[in-house]
C-alpha atoms as a PDB file:
ATOM      1  CA  MET A   1      64.261 126.176 119.002  1.00  0.00           C
ATOM      2  CA  LYS A   2      67.568 126.667 117.709  1.00  0.00           C
ATOM      3  CA  THR A   3      69.460 123.837 116.649  1.00  0.00           C
ATOM      4  CA  LEU A   4      72.967 122.989 115.706  1.00  0.00           C
ATOM      5  CA  LYS A   5      73.471 120.212 112.688  1.00  0.00           C
ATOM      6  CA  LEU A   6      76.003 117.783 113.339  1.00  0.00           C
ATOM      7  CA  GLY A   7      77.670 115.189 111.247  1.00  0.00           C
ATOM      8  CA  MET A   8      79.052 112.148 112.484  1.00  0.00           C
ATOM      9  CA  PRO A   9      81.468 109.399 111.220  1.00  0.00           C
ATOM     10  CA  LYS A  10      79.398 106.379 110.003  1.00  0.00           C
ATOM     11  CA  GLY A  11      81.912 103.057 109.966  1.00  0.00           C
ATOM     12  CA  SER A  12      84.810 102.287 111.793  1.00  0.00           C
ATOM     13  CA  LEU A  13      84.820 105.846 113.935  1.00  0.00           C
ATOM     14  CA  GLN A  14      81.143 105.564 114.809  1.00  0.00           C
ATOM     15  CA  GLU A  15      81.221 103.367 117.942  1.00  0.00           C
ATOM     16  CA  SER A  16      84.123 105.435 119.777  1.00  0.00           C
ATOM     17  CA  THR A  17      82.511 108.866 119.002  1.00  0.00           C
ATOM     18  CA  ILE A  18      79.220 107.774 120.569  1.00  0.00           C
ATOM     19  CA  GLU A  19      81.554 106.308 123.400  1.00  0.00           C
ATOM     20  CA  LEU A  20      83.085 109.749 123.668  1.00  0.00           C
ATOM     21  CA  PHE A  21      80.110 111.526 123.491  1.00  0.00           C
ATOM     22  CA  LYS A  22      78.876 109.501 125.942  1.00  0.00           C
ATOM     23  CA  LYS A  23      81.799 110.520 128.421  1.00  0.00           C
ATOM     24  CA  ALA A  24      80.850 113.978 127.723  1.00  0.00           C
ATOM     25  CA  GLY A  25      77.774 114.020 128.823  1.00  0.00           C
ATOM     26  CA  ILE A  26      76.029 113.702 125.437  1.00  0.00           C
ATOM     27  CA  ARG A  27      74.090 110.714 125.032  1.00  0.00           C
ATOM     28  CA  VAL A  28      73.597 109.837 121.821  1.00  0.00           C
ATOM     29  CA  ARG A  29      71.776 106.249 120.804  1.00  0.00           C
ATOM     30  CA  SER A  30      71.863 104.562 117.191  1.00  0.00           C
ATOM     31  CA  THR A  31      70.790 101.338 115.088  1.00  0.00           C
ATOM     32  CA  ASP A  32      72.115  99.972 112.132  1.00  0.00           C
ATOM     33  CA  ARG A  33      69.522 100.644 110.403  1.00  0.00           C
ATOM     34  CA  SER A  34      69.299 104.305 110.799  1.00  0.00           C
ATOM     35  CA  TYR A  35      71.307 107.254 109.752  1.00  0.00           C
ATOM     36  CA  PHE A  36      69.519 109.463 112.533  1.00  0.00           C
ATOM     37  CA  PRO A  37      70.475 109.049 115.772  1.00  0.00           C
ATOM     38  CA  SER A  38      68.625 109.990 119.050  1.00  0.00           C
ATOM     39  CA  CYS A  39      69.870 112.714 121.417  1.00  0.00           C
ATOM     40  CA  ASP A  40      69.571 113.820 124.789  1.00  0.00           C
ATOM     41  CA  ASP A  41      70.282 117.301 123.579  1.00  0.00           C
ATOM     42  CA  ALA A  42      67.231 118.949 121.852  1.00  0.00           C
ATOM     43  CA  GLU A  43      69.517 121.432 120.281  1.00  0.00           C
ATOM     44  CA  LEU A  44      71.371 119.052 118.477  1.00  0.00           C
ATOM     45  CA  GLU A  45      70.260 117.169 114.790  1.00  0.00           C
ATOM     46  CA  ILE A  46      72.579 114.283 114.008  1.00  0.00           C
ATOM     47  CA  MET A  47      73.168 112.598 110.923  1.00  0.00           C
ATOM     48  CA  LEU A  48      75.525 110.197 110.586  1.00  0.00           C
ATOM     49  CA  VAL A  49      78.038 109.888 106.982  1.00  0.00           C
ATOM     50  CA  ARG A  50      81.428 108.127 106.030  1.00  0.00           C
ATOM     51  CA  SER A  51      84.221 110.463 106.819  1.00  0.00           C
ATOM     52  CA  GLN A  52      85.536 111.077 103.592  1.00  0.00           C
ATOM     53  CA  GLU A  53      82.826 113.145 102.557  1.00  0.00           C
ATOM     54  CA  MET A  54      82.260 114.842 105.994  1.00  0.00           C
ATOM     55  CA  ALA A  55      84.524 118.069 105.001  1.00  0.00           C
ATOM     56  CA  THR A  56      82.928 118.431 101.748  1.00  0.00           C
ATOM     57  CA  TYR A  57      79.127 118.835 103.658  1.00  0.00           C
ATOM     58  CA  VAL A  58      80.545 121.027 106.416  1.00  0.00           C
ATOM     59  CA  GLU A  59      82.226 123.406 103.624  1.00  0.00           C
ATOM     60  CA  ASP A  60      78.968 123.369 101.595  1.00  0.00           C
ATOM     61  CA  GLY A  61      76.638 124.246 104.912  1.00  0.00           C
ATOM     62  CA  LEU A  62      74.676 121.037 104.627  1.00  0.00           C
ATOM     63  CA  PHE A  63      76.335 120.466 108.338  1.00  0.00           C
ATOM     64  CA  ASP A  64      76.966 123.388 110.992  1.00  0.00           C
ATOM     65  CA  ALA A  65      79.862 121.151 112.584  1.00  0.00           C
ATOM     66  CA  GLY A  66      81.592 117.579 112.189  1.00  0.00           C
ATOM     67  CA  LEU A  67      83.993 114.814 113.231  1.00  0.00           C
ATOM     68  CA  THR A  68      86.214 113.597 110.490  1.00  0.00           C
ATOM     69  CA  GLY A  69      89.855 112.950 109.848  1.00  0.00           C
ATOM     70  CA  LYS A  70      92.304 115.198 108.926  1.00  0.00           C
ATOM     71  CA  ASP A  71      93.171 112.931 105.998  1.00  0.00           C
ATOM     72  CA  TRP A  72      90.059 113.726 104.835  1.00  0.00           C
ATOM     73  CA  ILE A  73      90.006 117.388 104.930  1.00  0.00           C
ATOM     74  CA  VAL A  74      93.149 117.407 103.112  1.00  0.00           C
ATOM     75  CA  GLU A  75      91.973 115.042 100.682  1.00  0.00           C
ATOM     76  CA  SER A  76      88.728 116.697  99.875  1.00  0.00           C
ATOM     77  CA  GLY A  77      90.433 120.201  99.712  1.00  0.00           C
ATOM     78  CA  ALA A  78      87.698 121.684 101.649  1.00  0.00           C
ATOM     79  CA  SER A  79      87.540 124.933 103.075  1.00  0.00           C
ATOM     80  CA  VAL A  80      86.370 124.857 107.076  1.00  0.00           C
ATOM     81  CA  LYS A  81      87.225 125.920 110.182  1.00  0.00           C
ATOM     82  CA  GLU A  82      89.067 123.278 112.087  1.00  0.00           C
ATOM     83  CA  VAL A  83      88.081 123.545 116.224  1.00  0.00           C
ATOM     84  CA  CYS A  84      90.269 121.401 117.988  1.00  0.00           C
ATOM     85  CA  GLU A  85      91.808 117.648 117.523  1.00  0.00           C
ATOM     86  CA  LEU A  86      90.665 114.914 119.001  1.00  0.00           C
ATOM     87  CA  ILE A  87      93.311 112.466 119.491  1.00  0.00           C
ATOM     88  CA  TYR A  88      91.168 108.934 119.148  1.00  0.00           C
ATOM     89  CA  ALA A  89      91.035 106.299 116.792  1.00  0.00           C
ATOM     90  CA  LYS A  90      88.912 102.866 115.958  1.00  0.00           C
ATOM     91  CA  SER A  91      91.071 100.639 118.237  1.00  0.00           C
ATOM     92  CA  GLY A  92      93.327 102.962 120.217  1.00  0.00           C
ATOM     93  CA  PHE A  93      94.289 107.224 121.637  1.00  0.00           C
ATOM     94  CA  ARG A  94      96.869 107.709 118.845  1.00  0.00           C
ATOM     95  CA  PRO A  95      96.938 108.980 115.382  1.00  0.00           C
ATOM     96  CA  VAL A  96      96.770 106.904 112.391  1.00  0.00           C
ATOM     97  CA  ARG A  97      99.342 106.737 109.650  1.00  0.00           C
ATOM     98  CA  TRP A  98      99.121 107.333 105.694  1.00  0.00           C
ATOM     99  CA  VAL A  99     101.963 104.917 104.804  1.00  0.00           C
ATOM    100  CA  LEU A 100     104.042 103.963 101.264  1.00  0.00           C
ATOM    101  CA  ALA A 101     104.138 100.146 101.438  1.00  0.00           C
ATOM    102  CA  VAL A 102     105.189  97.134  99.051  1.00  0.00           C
ATOM    103  CA  PRO A 103     105.853  93.701  99.270  1.00  0.00           C
ATOM    104  CA  GLU A 104     108.619  92.158 101.372  1.00  0.00           C
ATOM    105  CA  SER A 105     110.119  91.067  98.666  1.00  0.00           C
ATOM    106  CA  SER A 106     109.918  94.347  96.282  1.00  0.00           C
ATOM    107  CA  PRO A 107     113.148  95.917  95.374  1.00  0.00           C
ATOM    108  CA  ILE A 108     111.623  98.962  95.998  1.00  0.00           C
ATOM    109  CA  LYS A 109     113.375 101.076  99.132  1.00  0.00           C
ATOM    110  CA  SER A 110     112.342 104.407  98.640  1.00  0.00           C
ATOM    111  CA  VAL A 111     109.771 107.084  97.019  1.00  0.00           C
ATOM    112  CA  LYS A 112     112.468 108.081  94.034  1.00  0.00           C
ATOM    113  CA  GLN A 113     112.206 104.445  92.937  1.00  0.00           C
ATOM    114  CA  LEU A 114     108.278 105.107  92.211  1.00  0.00           C
ATOM    115  CA  LYS A 115     108.717 106.825  88.980  1.00  0.00           C
ATOM    116  CA  GLY A 116     106.495 105.534  86.217  1.00  0.00           C
ATOM    117  CA  LYS A 117     105.054 102.899  88.684  1.00  0.00           C
ATOM    118  CA  ARG A 118     101.495 102.243  89.664  1.00  0.00           C
ATOM    119  CA  ILE A 119     100.064 102.851  93.233  1.00  0.00           C
ATOM    120  CA  ALA A 120      96.694 102.110  94.378  1.00  0.00           C
ATOM    121  CA  THR A 121      95.139 104.234  97.379  1.00  0.00           C
ATOM    122  CA  GLU A 122      91.994 105.909  98.710  1.00  0.00           C
ATOM    123  CA  VAL A 123      93.344 108.891  99.358  1.00  0.00           C
ATOM    124  CA  VAL A 124      94.180 109.827  95.851  1.00  0.00           C
ATOM    125  CA  ASN A 125      94.610 113.838  96.496  1.00  0.00           C
ATOM    126  CA  VAL A 126      97.506 113.233  99.499  1.00  0.00           C
ATOM    127  CA  VAL A 127      99.185 110.540  97.459  1.00  0.00           C
ATOM    128  CA  ARG A 128      99.516 113.096  94.220  1.00  0.00           C
ATOM    129  CA  LYS A 129     100.741 115.721  96.599  1.00  0.00           C
ATOM    130  CA  TYR A 130     103.040 113.495  97.996  1.00  0.00           C
ATOM    131  CA  LEU A 131     104.969 112.283  95.194  1.00  0.00           C
ATOM    132  CA  ALA A 132     104.657 115.954  93.707  1.00  0.00           C
ATOM    133  CA  LYS A 133     106.776 117.253  96.693  1.00  0.00           C
ATOM    134  CA  ASN A 134     109.204 114.332  96.353  1.00  0.00           C
ATOM    135  CA  LYS A 135     109.436 115.436  92.216  1.00  0.00           C
ATOM    136  CA  VAL A 136     108.353 111.554  91.557  1.00  0.00           C
ATOM    137  CA  LYS A 137     105.763 110.634  88.622  1.00  0.00           C
ATOM    138  CA  ALA A 138     104.194 107.931  89.090  1.00  0.00           C
ATOM    139  CA  LYS A 139     100.131 106.444  88.549  1.00  0.00           C
ATOM    140  CA  VAL A 140      98.175 106.649  91.290  1.00  0.00           C
ATOM    141  CA  GLU A 141      94.709 105.558  91.008  1.00  0.00           C
ATOM    142  CA  PHE A 142      91.733 105.172  93.505  1.00  0.00           C
ATOM    143  CA  SER A 143      91.120 102.002  95.325  1.00  0.00           C
ATOM    144  CA  TRP A 144      87.613 100.731  96.173  1.00  0.00           C
ATOM    145  CA  GLY A 145      88.702  98.323  98.438  1.00  0.00           C
ATOM    146  CA  ALA A 146      91.139  95.257  99.285  1.00  0.00           C
ATOM    147  CA  THR A 147      94.258  97.474  98.865  1.00  0.00           C
ATOM    148  CA  GLU A 148      96.628  95.469 100.438  1.00  0.00           C
ATOM    149  CA  ALA A 149      95.812  92.497  97.924  1.00  0.00           C
ATOM    150  CA  LYS A 150      96.892  94.674  95.125  1.00  0.00           C
ATOM    151  CA  ALA A 151     100.398  95.169  96.098  1.00  0.00           C
ATOM    152  CA  GLY A 152     102.787  93.199  93.761  1.00  0.00           C
ATOM    153  CA  ILE A 153     100.118  91.905  91.784  1.00  0.00           C
ATOM    154  CA  LEU A 154      98.187  94.474  90.378  1.00  0.00           C
ATOM    155  CA  VAL A 155      99.753  97.611  91.699  1.00  0.00           C
ATOM    156  CA  ASP A 156     103.633  98.089  92.624  1.00  0.00           C
ATOM    157  CA  ALA A 157     102.999  99.670  96.189  1.00  0.00           C
ATOM    158  CA  ILE A 158      99.940 100.697  98.180  1.00  0.00           C
ATOM    159  CA  ALA A 159      99.384 104.038 100.170  1.00  0.00           C
ATOM    160  CA  GLU A 160      97.301 102.596 103.311  1.00  0.00           C
ATOM    161  CA  LEU A 161      96.187 103.407 106.416  1.00  0.00           C
ATOM    162  CA  THR A 162      97.573 102.117 109.754  1.00  0.00           C
ATOM    163  CA  GLU A 163      97.419 102.088 113.500  1.00  0.00           C
ATOM    164  CA  THR A 164      99.946  99.558 114.375  1.00  0.00           C
ATOM    165  CA  GLY A 165     101.086  98.271 110.817  1.00  0.00           C
ATOM    166  CA  SER A 166     100.382  94.717 112.005  1.00  0.00           C
ATOM    167  CA  SER A 167      97.980  94.054 108.860  1.00  0.00           C
ATOM    168  CA  LEU A 168     100.177  95.489 106.515  1.00  0.00           C
ATOM    169  CA  ARG A 169     102.984  92.595 108.133  1.00  0.00           C
ATOM    170  CA  ALA A 170     100.291  89.962 108.337  1.00  0.00           C
ATOM    171  CA  ASN A 171      99.984  90.294 104.290  1.00  0.00           C
ATOM    172  CA  LYS A 172     104.017  90.478 104.028  1.00  0.00           C
ATOM    173  CA  LEU A 173     104.180  94.387 103.107  1.00  0.00           C
ATOM    174  CA  ARG A 174     106.905  96.780 103.988  1.00  0.00           C
ATOM    175  CA  ILE A 175     106.347 100.363 104.724  1.00  0.00           C
ATOM    176  CA  VAL A 176     108.704 102.258 102.591  1.00  0.00           C
ATOM    177  CA  ASP A 177     107.670 106.001 103.991  1.00  0.00           C
ATOM    178  CA  GLU A 178     105.114 107.729 106.187  1.00  0.00           C
ATOM    179  CA  ILE A 179     102.970 110.417 103.636  1.00  0.00           C
ATOM    180  CA  LEU A 180     100.620 111.595 106.470  1.00  0.00           C
ATOM    181  CA  THR A 181      99.565 111.565 110.380  1.00  0.00           C
ATOM    182  CA  SER A 182      96.077 111.854 111.063  1.00  0.00           C
ATOM    183  CA  SER A 183      93.829 112.806 113.650  1.00  0.00           C
ATOM    184  CA  THR A 184      90.298 113.077 114.066  1.00  0.00           C
ATOM    185  CA  ARG A 185      89.163 116.851 113.879  1.00  0.00           C
ATOM    186  CA  PHE A 186      86.186 118.708 115.275  1.00  0.00           C
ATOM    187  CA  ILE A 187      85.404 121.066 112.404  1.00  0.00           C
ATOM    188  CA  ALA A 188      83.070 123.652 111.400  1.00  0.00           C
ATOM    189  CA  ASN A 189      81.472 125.296 108.276  1.00  0.00           C
ATOM    190  CA  LYS A 190      83.123 128.993 108.498  1.00  0.00           C
ATOM    191  CA  LYS A 191      79.548 130.727 108.323  1.00  0.00           C
ATOM    192  CA  ALA A 192      78.270 128.753 111.099  1.00  0.00           C
ATOM    193  CA  TRP A 193      81.317 129.476 113.026  1.00  0.00           C
ATOM    194  CA  ASN A 194      80.350 133.245 112.831  1.00  0.00           C
ATOM    195  CA  ASP A 195      76.751 132.764 114.172  1.00  0.00           C
ATOM    196  CA  PRO A 196      77.315 133.585 117.623  1.00  0.00           C
ATOM    197  CA  TRP A 197      74.789 130.813 118.852  1.00  0.00           C
ATOM    198  CA  LYS A 198      76.139 128.133 117.020  1.00  0.00           C
ATOM    199  CA  ARG A 199      79.964 128.925 117.582  1.00  0.00           C
ATOM    200  CA  GLN A 200      79.280 129.108 121.249  1.00  0.00           C
ATOM    201  CA  LYS A 201      77.365 125.767 121.116  1.00  0.00           C
ATOM    202  CA  ILE A 202      80.320 124.463 118.907  1.00  0.00           C
ATOM    203  CA  GLU A 203      82.606 125.288 120.957  1.00  0.00           C
ATOM    204  CA  ASN A 204      80.737 124.160 123.976  1.00  0.00           C
ATOM    205  CA  ILE A 205      80.820 120.719 122.162  1.00  0.00           C
ATOM    206  CA  SER A 206      84.666 121.236 121.680  1.00  0.00           C
ATOM    207  CA  ILE A 207      84.974 121.671 125.616  1.00  0.00           C
ATOM    208  CA  LEU A 208      82.875 118.502 126.721  1.00  0.00           C
ATOM    209  CA  LEU A 209      85.119 116.525 124.027  1.00  0.00           C
ATOM    210  CA  GLN A 210      88.449 117.034 125.051  1.00  0.00           C
ATOM    211  CA  GLY A 211      87.530 116.973 128.716  1.00  0.00           C
ATOM    212  CA  ALA A 212      86.234 113.655 127.966  1.00  0.00           C
ATOM    213  CA  LEU A 213      89.681 112.754 125.986  1.00  0.00           C
ATOM    214  CA  ALA A 214      91.657 114.329 129.049  1.00  0.00           C
ATOM    215  CA  ALA A 215      90.001 111.897 131.074  1.00  0.00           C
ATOM    216  CA  GLU A 216      91.136 108.802 129.666  1.00  0.00           C
ATOM    217  CA  GLY A 217      92.993 106.418 131.159  1.00  0.00           C
ATOM    218  CA  LEU A 218      93.041 108.678 134.466  1.00  0.00           C
ATOM    219  CA  VAL A 219      91.177 107.542 138.014  1.00  0.00           C
ATOM    220  CA  GLY A 220      90.595 110.055 141.015  1.00  0.00           C
ATOM    221  CA  ILE A 221      91.436 108.371 144.486  1.00  0.00           C
ATOM    222  CA  LYS A 222      90.658 109.489 148.303  1.00  0.00           C
ATOM    223  CA  MET A 223      92.152 108.278 151.828  1.00  0.00           C
ATOM    224  CA  ASN A 224      92.332 109.091 155.062  1.00  0.00           C
ATOM    225  CA  LEU A 225      95.796 109.547 156.743  1.00  0.00           C
ATOM    226  CA  LYS A 226      97.741 110.751 159.786  1.00  0.00           C
ATOM    227  CA  ASP A 227      99.470 114.413 159.530  1.00  0.00           C
ATOM    228  CA  ALA A 228     102.596 112.347 160.218  1.00  0.00           C
ATOM    229  CA  ASP A 229     102.216 110.487 157.328  1.00  0.00           C
ATOM    230  CA  LEU A 230     101.677 112.890 154.571  1.00  0.00           C
ATOM    231  CA  PRO A 231     105.170 113.867 153.663  1.00  0.00           C
ATOM    232  CA  LYS A 232     105.883 109.852 152.712  1.00  0.00           C
ATOM    233  CA  ILE A 233     102.428 109.563 151.256  1.00  0.00           C
ATOM    234  CA  ILE A 234     103.140 112.563 149.052  1.00  0.00           C
ATOM    235  CA  ASN A 235     106.272 111.068 147.784  1.00  0.00           C
ATOM    236  CA  LEU A 236     104.337 107.991 146.616  1.00  0.00           C
ATOM    237  CA  LEU A 237     101.743 109.937 144.168  1.00  0.00           C
ATOM    238  CA  PRO A 238     102.691 110.863 140.544  1.00  0.00           C
ATOM    239  CA  ALA A 239     100.051 113.594 140.427  1.00  0.00           C
ATOM    240  CA  ILE A 240      98.956 115.545 137.779  1.00  0.00           C
ATOM    241  CA  ARG A 241      98.409 118.163 140.023  1.00  0.00           C
ATOM    242  CA  LYS A 242      99.601 118.781 143.498  1.00  0.00           C
ATOM    243  CA  PRO A 243      97.293 116.705 145.736  1.00  0.00           C
ATOM    244  CA  THR A 244      93.898 118.021 147.600  1.00  0.00           C
ATOM    245  CA  VAL A 245      94.887 117.848 151.304  1.00  0.00           C
ATOM    246  CA  SER A 246      91.760 119.097 153.919  1.00  0.00           C
ATOM    247  CA  ARG A 247      91.488 118.160 157.741  1.00  0.00           C
ATOM    248  CA  LEU A 248      89.115 115.902 159.022  1.00  0.00           C
ATOM    249  CA  THR A 249      87.246 115.957 162.261  1.00  0.00           C
ATOM    250  CA  GLU A 250      89.340 113.616 164.193  1.00  0.00           C
ATOM    251  CA  PRO A 251      92.702 115.521 165.405  1.00  0.00           C
ATOM    252  CA  GLY A 252      96.022 114.627 163.546  1.00  0.00           C
ATOM    253  CA  TRP A 253      93.758 113.405 160.372  1.00  0.00           C
ATOM    254  CA  VAL A 254      93.479 114.233 157.488  1.00  0.00           C
ATOM    255  CA  ALA A 255      92.021 113.287 154.054  1.00  0.00           C
ATOM    256  CA  LEU A 256      93.943 113.516 150.959  1.00  0.00           C
ATOM    257  CA  GLU A 257      92.465 113.465 147.226  1.00  0.00           C
ATOM    258  CA  VAL A 258      94.226 112.904 143.789  1.00  0.00           C
ATOM    259  CA  ILE A 259      94.328 112.412 139.992  1.00  0.00           C
ATOM    260  CA  MET A 260      96.389 110.047 138.408  1.00  0.00           C
ATOM    261  CA  ALA A 261      96.914 107.298 135.832  1.00  0.00           C
ATOM    262  CA  GLU A 262      94.653 104.113 136.475  1.00  0.00           C
ATOM    263  CA  LYS A 263      97.466 101.907 135.075  1.00  0.00           C
ATOM    264  CA  GLU A 264      99.738 102.794 137.975  1.00  0.00           C
ATOM    265  CA  LEU A 265      97.419 102.074 140.991  1.00  0.00           C
ATOM    266  CA  LYS A 266      98.390  98.179 141.220  1.00  0.00           C
ATOM    267  CA  LYS A 267     101.424  99.566 142.652  1.00  0.00           C
ATOM    268  CA  ILE A 268     100.485 102.448 144.305  1.00  0.00           C
ATOM    269  CA  ILE A 269      97.663 101.454 146.495  1.00  0.00           C
ATOM    270  CA  PRO A 270      99.291  98.460 148.698  1.00  0.00           C
ATOM    271  CA  ALA A 271     102.364 100.962 148.871  1.00  0.00           C
ATOM    272  CA  LEU A 272     100.044 103.652 150.131  1.00  0.00           C
ATOM    273  CA  LYS A 273      98.379 101.216 152.450  1.00  0.00           C
ATOM    274  CA  ARG A 274     102.039 100.276 154.236  1.00  0.00           C
ATOM    275  CA  ALA A 275     102.588 103.964 154.556  1.00  0.00           C
ATOM    276  CA  GLY A 276      99.763 104.462 156.737  1.00  0.00           C
ATOM    277  CA  ALA A 277      96.594 104.961 154.213  1.00  0.00           C
ATOM    278  CA  SER A 278      93.179 104.248 154.807  1.00  0.00           C
ATOM    279  CA  GLY A 279      89.571 103.984 153.812  1.00  0.00           C
ATOM    280  CA  ILE A 280      91.437 104.089 149.867  1.00  0.00           C
ATOM    281  CA  ILE A 281      88.765 104.976 147.398  1.00  0.00           C
ATOM    282  CA  GLU A 282      88.948 105.278 143.758  1.00  0.00           C
ATOM    283  CA  TYR A 283      86.676 106.555 141.756  1.00  0.00           C
ATOM    284  CA  PRO A 284      86.336 107.032 137.505  1.00  0.00           C
ATOM    285  CA  LEU A 285      86.285 110.463 135.382  1.00  0.00           C
ATOM    286  CA  ASN A 286      84.262 111.156 132.543  1.00  0.00           C
ATOM    287  CA  LYS A 287      85.854 114.361 132.300  1.00  0.00           C
ATOM    288  CA  ILE A 288      89.053 116.854 133.331  1.00  0.00           C
ATOM    289  CA  ILE A 289      88.951 120.498 131.835  1.00  0.00           C
ATOM    290  CA  TYR A 290      92.166 122.141 132.143  1.00  0.00           C
END
């Protein structure tokens, strides 16, 4: 049997990635002690590795495909095929940012003021490229952790990953500039991408993962209503597509089905009821394929 070697991120993205695959219809089961999760797709061989290492392993062909952040692709300089962007993170569905930050009391207001200063970060190459772009010479050192605690004590500034900025504020740090916006990418080894079977398998997974993300926060609703009430009920529905309307066997009645944002339901359902809808059913969505 042909198989695809797939690298999945271990660490902060692990749980959200496994959940995304579940919604895509691929069930992955992992334990804390194992680096080799089981999967209900026999054509997949999965291994968990750190996102920081993923792009290099994919480039070298140790994996046919993998998931990692755009930041780690840039940091490693790996030459890989970016199949698609998957916007999800540890705590939400948004891109993450690498930012330049200093203590609130620091006089530094811009990157230009970092000339000759010391900066700590995990993405040394990304920061060096950023400084070169801004024509600033500064010492950039790799941080093995606790980066936020070093600002103002061991270094003048840090380059740190943030989703909301709350951790930086809690540590009394101020953002000076945004260095890089990053999101998860599904990547492939270029040789594997040129193999017809592997390419189709990778594309299939890409379609399913994007479909699972497209369905995030959306639900489907069905209802019955009288013909005469159809215009006013359609006006109440902020659908992503025009609703599907089908005739019932009972004369003068139709069934209506539509997809909409789940957060809007608490206002819409009572309004639909008052407008004449009945038999309203809400159902979850796993995937939407456009």
